[in-house]
C-alpha atoms as a PDB file:
ATOM      1  CA  MET A   1       0.635 -30.671 -15.307  1.00  0.00           C
ATOM      2  CA  ALA A   2      -0.734 -27.684 -17.282  1.00  0.00           C
ATOM      3  CA  LEU A   3      -3.148 -27.088 -19.853  1.00  0.00           C
ATOM      4  CA  TYR A   4      -1.773 -24.869 -22.674  1.00  0.00           C
ATOM      5  CA  THR A   5      -3.702 -24.115 -26.151  1.00  0.00           C
ATOM      6  CA  TYR A   6      -1.846 -23.871 -29.444  1.00  0.00           C
ATOM      7  CA  GLU A   7      -3.141 -22.735 -32.491  1.00  0.00           C
ATOM      8  CA  CYS A   8      -2.528 -24.529 -35.901  1.00  0.00           C
ATOM      9  CA  LYS A   9      -2.684 -22.634 -39.129  1.00  0.00           C
ATOM     10  CA  LYS A  10      -5.229 -25.314 -41.047  1.00  0.00           C
ATOM     11  CA  CYS A  11      -6.694 -26.839 -37.900  1.00  0.00           C
ATOM     12  CA  GLY A  12      -7.387 -23.909 -35.476  1.00  0.00           C
ATOM     13  CA  GLU A  13      -6.576 -24.029 -31.812  1.00  0.00           C
ATOM     14  CA  PHE A  14      -6.458 -27.297 -29.667  1.00  0.00           C
ATOM     15  CA  ASP A  15      -5.587 -28.026 -25.895  1.00  0.00           C
ATOM     16  CA  VAL A  16      -2.356 -30.264 -25.007  1.00  0.00           C
ATOM     17  CA  ARG A  17      -1.653 -31.047 -20.913  1.00  0.00           C
ATOM     18  CA  HIS A  18       2.128 -31.245 -20.467  1.00  0.00           C
ATOM     19  CA  GLY A  19       4.291 -30.392 -17.524  1.00  0.00           C
ATOM     20  CA  ILE A  20       6.068 -26.850 -17.622  1.00  0.00           C
ATOM     21  CA  ASN A  21       9.474 -28.012 -18.189  1.00  0.00           C
ATOM     22  CA  GLU A  22       8.881 -30.172 -21.024  1.00  0.00           C
ATOM     23  CA  PRO A  23       9.453 -28.513 -24.637  1.00  0.00           C
ATOM     24  CA  ASP A  24       6.291 -26.836 -26.197  1.00  0.00           C
ATOM     25  CA  VAL A  25       4.431 -28.673 -29.111  1.00  0.00           C
ATOM     26  CA  SER A  26       6.093 -28.131 -32.723  1.00  0.00           C
ATOM     27  CA  VAL A  27       3.948 -30.451 -34.864  1.00  0.00           C
ATOM     28  CA  CYS A  28      -0.029 -30.241 -35.062  1.00  0.00           C
ATOM     29  CA  PRO A  29      -1.145 -33.922 -33.861  1.00  0.00           C
ATOM     30  CA  LYS A  30      -3.954 -33.759 -36.446  1.00  0.00           C
ATOM     31  CA  CYS A  31      -2.578 -32.796 -39.524  1.00  0.00           C
ATOM     32  CA  GLY A  32       0.911 -32.978 -39.102  1.00  0.00           C
ATOM     33  CA  THR A  33       1.702 -28.928 -39.875  1.00  0.00           C
ATOM     34  CA  SER A  34       4.819 -27.502 -38.471  1.00  0.00           C
ATOM     35  CA  GLY A  35       4.822 -23.512 -36.956  1.00  0.00           C
ATOM     36  CA  LEU A  36       2.333 -23.945 -34.264  1.00  0.00           C
ATOM     37  CA  ILE A  37       1.600 -20.799 -32.325  1.00  0.00           C
ATOM     38  CA  LYS A  38       1.146 -20.772 -28.393  1.00  0.00           C
ATOM     39  CA  VAL A  39      -1.868 -18.974 -27.454  1.00  0.00           C
ATOM     40  CA  VAL A  40      -1.645 -16.661 -24.267  1.00  0.00           C
ATOM     41  CA  ASN A  41      -4.627 -17.153 -22.120  1.00  0.00           C
ATOM     42  CA  GLY A  42      -6.240 -14.538 -20.195  1.00  0.00           C
ATOM     43  CA  GLY A  43      -6.080 -16.353 -17.010  1.00  0.00           C
ATOM     44  CA  THR A  44      -8.122 -17.983 -14.440  1.00  0.00           C
ATOM     45  CA  ASN A  45     -11.102 -17.265 -12.321  1.00  0.00           C
ATOM     46  CA  PHE A  46      -9.373 -18.050  -9.095  1.00  0.00           C
ATOM     47  CA  ILE A  47     -11.442 -17.022  -5.699  1.00  0.00           C
ATOM     48  CA  LEU A  48     -10.139 -17.800  -2.623  1.00  0.00           C
ATOM     49  CA  LYS A  49     -13.663 -18.467  -0.120  1.00  0.00           C
ATOM     50  CA  GLY A  50     -13.810 -19.258   3.254  1.00  0.00           C
ATOM     51  CA  SER A  51     -12.558 -17.349   6.231  1.00  0.00           C
ATOM     52  CA  GLY A  52      -9.179 -16.477   6.652  1.00  0.00           C
ATOM     53  CA  PHE A  53      -8.786 -14.536   3.534  1.00  0.00           C
ATOM     54  CA  TYR A  54      -8.485 -10.957   2.705  1.00  0.00           C
ATOM     55  CA  VAL A  55     -12.120 -10.246   0.866  1.00  0.00           C
ATOM     56  CA  ASN A  56     -13.763 -12.182   3.323  1.00  0.00           C
ATOM     57  CA  ASP A  57     -12.226 -11.070   6.936  1.00  0.00           C
ATOM     58  CA  TYR A  58     -10.096  -8.008   6.474  1.00  0.00           C
ATOM     59  CA  LYS A  59     -11.727  -5.957   3.979  1.00  0.00           C
ATOM     60  CA  LYS A  60     -13.125  -2.775   5.165  1.00  0.00           C
ATOM     61  CA  LYS A  61     -16.672  -2.851   5.733  1.00  0.00           C
ATOM     62  CA  GLU A  62     -19.065  -0.359   3.977  1.00  0.00           C
ATOM     63  CA  THR A  63     -20.940   1.923   6.182  1.00  0.00           C
ATOM     64  CA  GLY A  64     -24.266   1.954   4.971  1.00  0.00           C
ATOM     65  CA  HIS A  65     -24.545   5.784   4.031  1.00  0.00           C
ATOM     66  CA  SER A  66     -22.140   8.296   2.416  1.00  0.00           C
ATOM     67  CA  HIS A  67     -22.171  12.307   2.819  1.00  0.00           C
ATOM     68  CA  ALA A  68     -22.749  12.566  -1.078  1.00  0.00           C
ATOM     69  CA  SER A  69     -25.979  10.783  -1.086  1.00  0.00           C
ATOM     70  CA  GLY A  70     -27.638  13.167   1.742  1.00  0.00           C
ATOM     71  CA  SER A  71     -28.398   9.979   3.932  1.00  0.00           C
ATOM     72  CA  CYS A  72     -26.017  11.246   6.777  1.00  0.00           C
ATOM     73  CA  ASN A  73     -27.620  13.462   9.255  1.00  0.00           C
ATOM     74  CA  CYS A  74     -24.529  15.335  10.345  1.00  0.00           C
ATOM     75  CA  GLY A  75     -24.566  17.390   6.966  1.00  0.00           C
ATOM     76  CA  GLY A  76     -20.948  15.904   5.992  1.00  0.00           C
ATOM     77  CA  THR A  77     -18.987  17.545   9.005  1.00  0.00           C
ATOM     78  CA  CYS A  78     -18.202  14.476  10.896  1.00  0.00           C
ATOM     79  CA  GLY A  79     -15.590  12.751   8.427  1.00  0.00           C
ATOM     80  CA  SER A  80     -14.727   9.469   8.486  1.00  0.00           C
ATOM     81  CA  ALA A  81     -15.776   8.864  12.315  1.00  0.00           C
ATOM     82  CA  CYS A  82     -19.286   9.504  11.028  1.00  0.00           C
ATOM     83  CA  LYS A  83     -21.843   8.068  13.760  1.00  0.00           C
ATOM     84  CA  CYS A  84     -25.182   9.571  12.467  1.00  0.00           C
ATOM     85  CA  ASN A  85     -26.988   6.595  11.619  1.00  0.00           C
END
């Protein structure tokens, strides 16, 4: 079951939990007004934590220095295979 947000012209926003295949709410449960608007939410903060996920295990690691900051001793000539530090 999912949580849906509806907006009533008189009462404001309210949440209703119902299944995806169930029809949308058409009448406000507080005041009985029809013509509700289904509010589109901005999404969720879904984060995958633990081992086995891209962000933890497979993402390229930062090298700790950059040619632009001047912390590399080669003068920027070694490119992506830099082993100056």
